[in-house]
Amino acid sequence: MAYLVLRWIVLSVAVLVAAYVVPGISVSGFFSALSAAALLGVLNAVLRPLLVLLTLPITVLSFGLFLLVINAVLLSLVSGVIRGFDVAGFWPAVFGSVIISAVNWALNALLTRAAQKPPARHAGDDDVIDLEPKGRDRWE
């Protein structure tokens, strides 16, 4: 549960960064960003796979660039539902979806790396192993 809340907050921060960077996107406050992130997460989980499947031939012909259009459409849908989150047009939606995806990926990668435990080290472990030839096909 905590992981889900943390990813929700990360996506909210990504929405705020997109609103700061892209001129056509505006967010009235953090609560609007939380609401937009929640709806965007639900749409990405439910509607996006269906849209990707339906538009697969176009996506293949465009070498995957049509996925940017799908992301922009979903972001525009969110702006139509959430009060306080506005996307001015198609191109701000495309650039905003790219920014949101990049920031979300980077922050999730940082959090995943921070959550991983380093391998346990034991006394006497060395970082370098010296091998010497002890015969024709044998090293020790």
C-alpha atoms as a PDB file:
ATOM      1  CA  MET A   1       0.000   0.000   0.000  1.00  0.00           C
ATOM      2  CA  ALA A   2       2.816   2.389   0.875  1.00  0.00           C
ATOM      3  CA  TYR A   3       4.439   1.651  -2.482  1.00  0.00           C
ATOM      4  CA  LEU A   4       1.240   2.608  -4.303  1.00  0.00           C
ATOM      5  CA  VAL A   5       0.967   5.885  -2.391  1.00  0.00           C
ATOM      6  CA  LEU A   6       4.620   6.646  -3.080  1.00  0.00           C
ATOM      7  CA  ARG A   7       4.156   6.062  -6.824  1.00  0.00           C
ATOM      8  CA  TRP A   8       1.058   8.272  -6.733  1.00  0.00           C
ATOM      9  CA  ILE A   9       3.067  11.085  -5.147  1.00  0.00           C
ATOM     10  CA  VAL A  10       5.864  10.589  -7.702  1.00  0.00           C
ATOM     11  CA  LEU A  11       3.356  10.870 -10.553  1.00  0.00           C
ATOM     12  CA  SER A  12       1.926  14.000  -8.913  1.00  0.00           C
ATOM     13  CA  VAL A  13       5.383  15.546  -8.815  1.00  0.00           C
ATOM     14  CA  ALA A  14       5.824  14.630 -12.493  1.00  0.00           C
ATOM     15  CA  VAL A  15       2.539  16.404 -13.312  1.00  0.00           C
ATOM     16  CA  LEU A  16       3.733  19.493 -11.413  1.00  0.00           C
ATOM     17  CA  VAL A  17       7.063  19.452 -13.267  1.00  0.00           C
ATOM     18  CA  ALA A  18       5.231  19.228 -16.598  1.00  0.00           C
ATOM     19  CA  ALA A  19       3.044  22.171 -15.594  1.00  0.00           C
ATOM     20  CA  TYR A  20       6.174  24.141 -14.712  1.00  0.00           C
ATOM     21  CA  VAL A  21       8.062  23.273 -17.919  1.00  0.00           C
ATOM     22  CA  VAL A  22       5.347  23.203 -20.608  1.00  0.00           C
ATOM     23  CA  PRO A  23       3.652  26.579 -21.233  1.00  0.00           C
ATOM     24  CA  GLY A  24       0.243  25.126 -22.184  1.00  0.00           C
ATOM     25  CA  ILE A  25      -0.255  23.074 -18.995  1.00  0.00           C
ATOM     26  CA  SER A  26      -1.421  24.600 -15.720  1.00  0.00           C
ATOM     27  CA  VAL A  27      -2.143  23.138 -12.300  1.00  0.00           C
ATOM     28  CA  SER A  28      -3.907  25.195  -9.650  1.00  0.00           C
ATOM     29  CA  GLY A  29      -2.380  23.345  -6.692  1.00  0.00           C
ATOM     30  CA  PHE A  30      -0.984  20.145  -5.298  1.00  0.00           C
ATOM     31  CA  PHE A  31      -4.455  18.672  -4.689  1.00  0.00           C
ATOM     32  CA  SER A  32      -5.264  19.137  -8.377  1.00  0.00           C
ATOM     33  CA  ALA A  33      -1.981  17.438  -9.240  1.00  0.00           C
ATOM     34  CA  LEU A  34      -2.834  14.540  -6.906  1.00  0.00           C
ATOM     35  CA  SER A  35      -6.267  14.199  -8.504  1.00  0.00           C
ATOM     36  CA  ALA A  36      -4.825  14.389 -12.018  1.00  0.00           C
ATOM     37  CA  ALA A  37      -2.178  11.806 -11.151  1.00  0.00           C
ATOM     38  CA  ALA A  38      -4.773   9.455  -9.685  1.00  0.00           C
ATOM     39  CA  LEU A  39      -7.004   9.651 -12.749  1.00  0.00           C
ATOM     40  CA  LEU A  40      -4.029   9.441 -15.110  1.00  0.00           C
ATOM     41  CA  GLY A  41      -2.839   6.315 -13.302  1.00  0.00           C
ATOM     42  CA  VAL A  42      -6.271   4.695 -13.584  1.00  0.00           C
ATOM     43  CA  LEU A  43      -6.567   5.584 -17.273  1.00  0.00           C
ATOM     44  CA  ASN A  44      -3.053   4.286 -17.949  1.00  0.00           C
ATOM     45  CA  ALA A  45      -3.915   1.019 -16.227  1.00  0.00           C
ATOM     46  CA  VAL A  46      -7.366   0.497 -17.760  1.00  0.00           C
ATOM     47  CA  LEU A  47      -7.801   2.433 -21.000  1.00  0.00           C
ATOM     48  CA  ARG A  48      -4.251   2.697 -22.377  1.00  0.00           C
ATOM     49  CA  PRO A  49      -3.735  -1.050 -23.026  1.00  0.00           C
ATOM     50  CA  LEU A  50      -7.000  -1.148 -24.962  1.00  0.00           C
ATOM     51  CA  LEU A  51      -6.032   1.907 -27.017  1.00  0.00           C
ATOM     52  CA  VAL A  52      -2.580   0.458 -27.713  1.00  0.00           C
ATOM     53  CA  LEU A  53      -4.134  -2.791 -28.888  1.00  0.00           C
ATOM     54  CA  LEU A  54      -6.686  -1.050 -31.109  1.00  0.00           C
ATOM     55  CA  THR A  55      -4.083   1.221 -32.703  1.00  0.00           C
ATOM     56  CA  LEU A  56      -1.361  -1.409 -33.041  1.00  0.00           C
ATOM     57  CA  PRO A  57      -1.120  -1.220 -36.864  1.00  0.00           C
ATOM     58  CA  ILE A  58      -0.719   2.575 -36.785  1.00  0.00           C
ATOM     59  CA  THR A  59       1.789   2.268 -33.937  1.00  0.00           C
ATOM     60  CA  VAL A  60       3.867  -0.257 -35.879  1.00  0.00           C
ATOM     61  CA  LEU A  61       3.786   1.834 -39.053  1.00  0.00           C
ATOM     62  CA  SER A  62       4.867   4.937 -37.129  1.00  0.00           C
ATOM     63  CA  PHE A  63       7.655   3.030 -35.333  1.00  0.00           C
ATOM     64  CA  GLY A  64       5.947   3.592 -31.971  1.00  0.00           C
ATOM     65  CA  LEU A  65       5.518   7.346 -32.301  1.00  0.00           C
ATOM     66  CA  PHE A  66       1.736   6.982 -32.212  1.00  0.00           C
ATOM     67  CA  LEU A  67       2.092   6.069 -28.529  1.00  0.00           C
ATOM     68  CA  LEU A  68       2.845   9.760 -27.954  1.00  0.00           C
ATOM     69  CA  VAL A  69      -0.572  10.566 -29.432  1.00  0.00           C
ATOM     70  CA  ILE A  70      -2.235   8.037 -27.126  1.00  0.00           C
ATOM     71  CA  ASN A  71      -0.477   9.538 -24.096  1.00  0.00           C
ATOM     72  CA  ALA A  72      -1.487  13.039 -25.210  1.00  0.00           C
ATOM     73  CA  VAL A  73      -5.117  11.973 -25.608  1.00  0.00           C
ATOM     74  CA  LEU A  74      -5.153  10.466 -22.128  1.00  0.00           C
ATOM     75  CA  LEU A  75      -3.615  13.630 -20.672  1.00  0.00           C
ATOM     76  CA  SER A  76      -6.245  15.721 -22.457  1.00  0.00           C
ATOM     77  CA  LEU A  77      -8.985  13.469 -21.085  1.00  0.00           C
ATOM     78  CA  VAL A  78      -7.661  14.016 -17.571  1.00  0.00           C
ATOM     79  CA  SER A  79      -7.637  17.780 -18.090  1.00  0.00           C
ATOM     80  CA  GLY A  80     -11.263  17.635 -19.174  1.00  0.00           C
ATOM     81  CA  VAL A  81     -12.315  15.875 -15.966  1.00  0.00           C
ATOM     82  CA  ILE A  82     -10.113  17.362 -13.230  1.00  0.00           C
ATOM     83  CA  ARG A  83     -10.878  20.928 -12.217  1.00  0.00           C
ATOM     84  CA  GLY A  84      -7.697  22.914 -11.738  1.00  0.00           C
ATOM     85  CA  PHE A  85      -5.680  20.886 -14.262  1.00  0.00           C
ATOM     86  CA  ASP A  86      -5.739  22.365 -17.753  1.00  0.00           C
ATOM     87  CA  VAL A  87      -4.018  21.398 -20.991  1.00  0.00           C
ATOM     88  CA  ALA A  88      -4.296  24.072 -23.695  1.00  0.00           C
ATOM     89  CA  GLY A  89      -4.075  21.886 -26.808  1.00  0.00           C
ATOM     90  CA  PHE A  90      -2.591  18.915 -28.596  1.00  0.00           C
ATOM     91  CA  TRP A  91       1.087  19.921 -28.619  1.00  0.00           C
ATOM     92  CA  PRO A  92       1.209  20.902 -24.955  1.00  0.00           C
ATOM     93  CA  ALA A  93      -0.405  17.521 -24.243  1.00  0.00           C
ATOM     94  CA  VAL A  94       2.272  15.720 -26.280  1.00  0.00           C
ATOM     95  CA  PHE A  95       5.151  17.608 -24.653  1.00  0.00           C
ATOM     96  CA  GLY A  96       3.527  17.260 -21.236  1.00  0.00           C
ATOM     97  CA  SER A  97       3.127  13.510 -21.633  1.00  0.00           C
ATOM     98  CA  VAL A  98       6.795  13.204 -22.611  1.00  0.00           C
ATOM     99  CA  ILE A  99       7.871  15.257 -19.569  1.00  0.00           C
ATOM    100  CA  ILE A 100       5.563  13.325 -17.234  1.00  0.00           C
ATOM    101  CA  SER A 101       6.857   9.999 -18.552  1.00  0.00           C
ATOM    102  CA  ALA A 102      10.509  11.020 -18.252  1.00  0.00           C
ATOM    103  CA  VAL A 103      10.186  12.492 -14.746  1.00  0.00           C
ATOM    104  CA  ASN A 104       8.071   9.564 -13.558  1.00  0.00           C
ATOM    105  CA  TRP A 105      10.610   7.078 -14.927  1.00  0.00           C
ATOM    106  CA  ALA A 106      13.581   8.907 -13.380  1.00  0.00           C
ATOM    107  CA  LEU A 107      12.010   9.302  -9.946  1.00  0.00           C
ATOM    108  CA  ASN A 108      10.794   5.700  -9.870  1.00  0.00           C
ATOM    109  CA  ALA A 109      14.275   4.506 -10.858  1.00  0.00           C
ATOM    110  CA  LEU A 110      15.815   6.538  -8.038  1.00  0.00           C
ATOM    111  CA  LEU A 111      13.311   5.233  -5.504  1.00  0.00           C
ATOM    112  CA  THR A 112      13.760   1.648  -6.655  1.00  0.00           C
ATOM    113  CA  ARG A 113      17.529   1.946  -6.385  1.00  0.00           C
ATOM    114  CA  ALA A 114      17.251   3.525  -2.926  1.00  0.00           C
ATOM    115  CA  ALA A 115      14.961   0.725  -1.738  1.00  0.00           C
ATOM    116  CA  GLN A 116      17.346  -2.046  -2.796  1.00  0.00           C
ATOM    117  CA  LYS A 117      19.680  -3.371  -0.160  1.00  0.00           C
ATOM    118  CA  PRO A 118      23.343  -3.653  -1.065  1.00  0.00           C
ATOM    119  CA  PRO A 119      24.785  -7.188  -0.970  1.00  0.00           C
ATOM    120  CA  ALA A 120      26.021  -8.264   2.441  1.00  0.00           C
ATOM    121  CA  ARG A 121      29.766  -8.001   2.913  1.00  0.00           C
ATOM    122  CA  HIS A 122      31.694 -10.286   5.181  1.00  0.00           C
ATOM    123  CA  ALA A 123      34.923  -9.687   7.035  1.00  0.00           C
ATOM    124  CA  GLY A 124      37.842 -10.603   4.856  1.00  0.00           C
ATOM    125  CA  ASP A 125      36.042 -10.022   1.562  1.00  0.00           C
ATOM    126  CA  ASP A 126      38.332  -8.387  -0.959  1.00  0.00           C
ATOM    127  CA  ASP A 127      37.383  -6.429  -4.018  1.00  0.00           C
ATOM    128  CA  VAL A 128      40.219  -7.919  -6.097  1.00  0.00           C
ATOM    129  CA  ILE A 129      40.942 -11.571  -6.764  1.00  0.00           C
ATOM    130  CA  ASP A 130      44.477 -12.369  -7.833  1.00  0.00           C
ATOM    131  CA  LEU A 131      44.870 -15.492  -9.959  1.00  0.00           C
ATOM    132  CA  GLU A 132      48.126 -17.169 -10.794  1.00  0.00           C
ATOM    133  CA  PRO A 133      48.704 -19.853 -13.397  1.00  0.00           C
ATOM    134  CA  LYS A 134      49.221 -23.300 -11.821  1.00  0.00           C
ATOM    135  CA  GLY A 135      49.712 -25.464 -14.818  1.00  0.00           C
ATOM    136  CA  ARG A 136      48.476 -25.546 -18.338  1.00  0.00           C
ATOM    137  CA  ASP A 137      44.699 -25.087 -17.842  1.00  0.00           C
ATOM    138  CA  ARG A 138      44.524 -24.300 -14.150  1.00  0.00           C
ATOM    139  CA  TRP A 139      44.450 -20.988 -12.294  1.00  0.00           C
ATOM    140  CA  GLU A 140      44.392 -20.462  -8.550  1.00  0.00           C
END
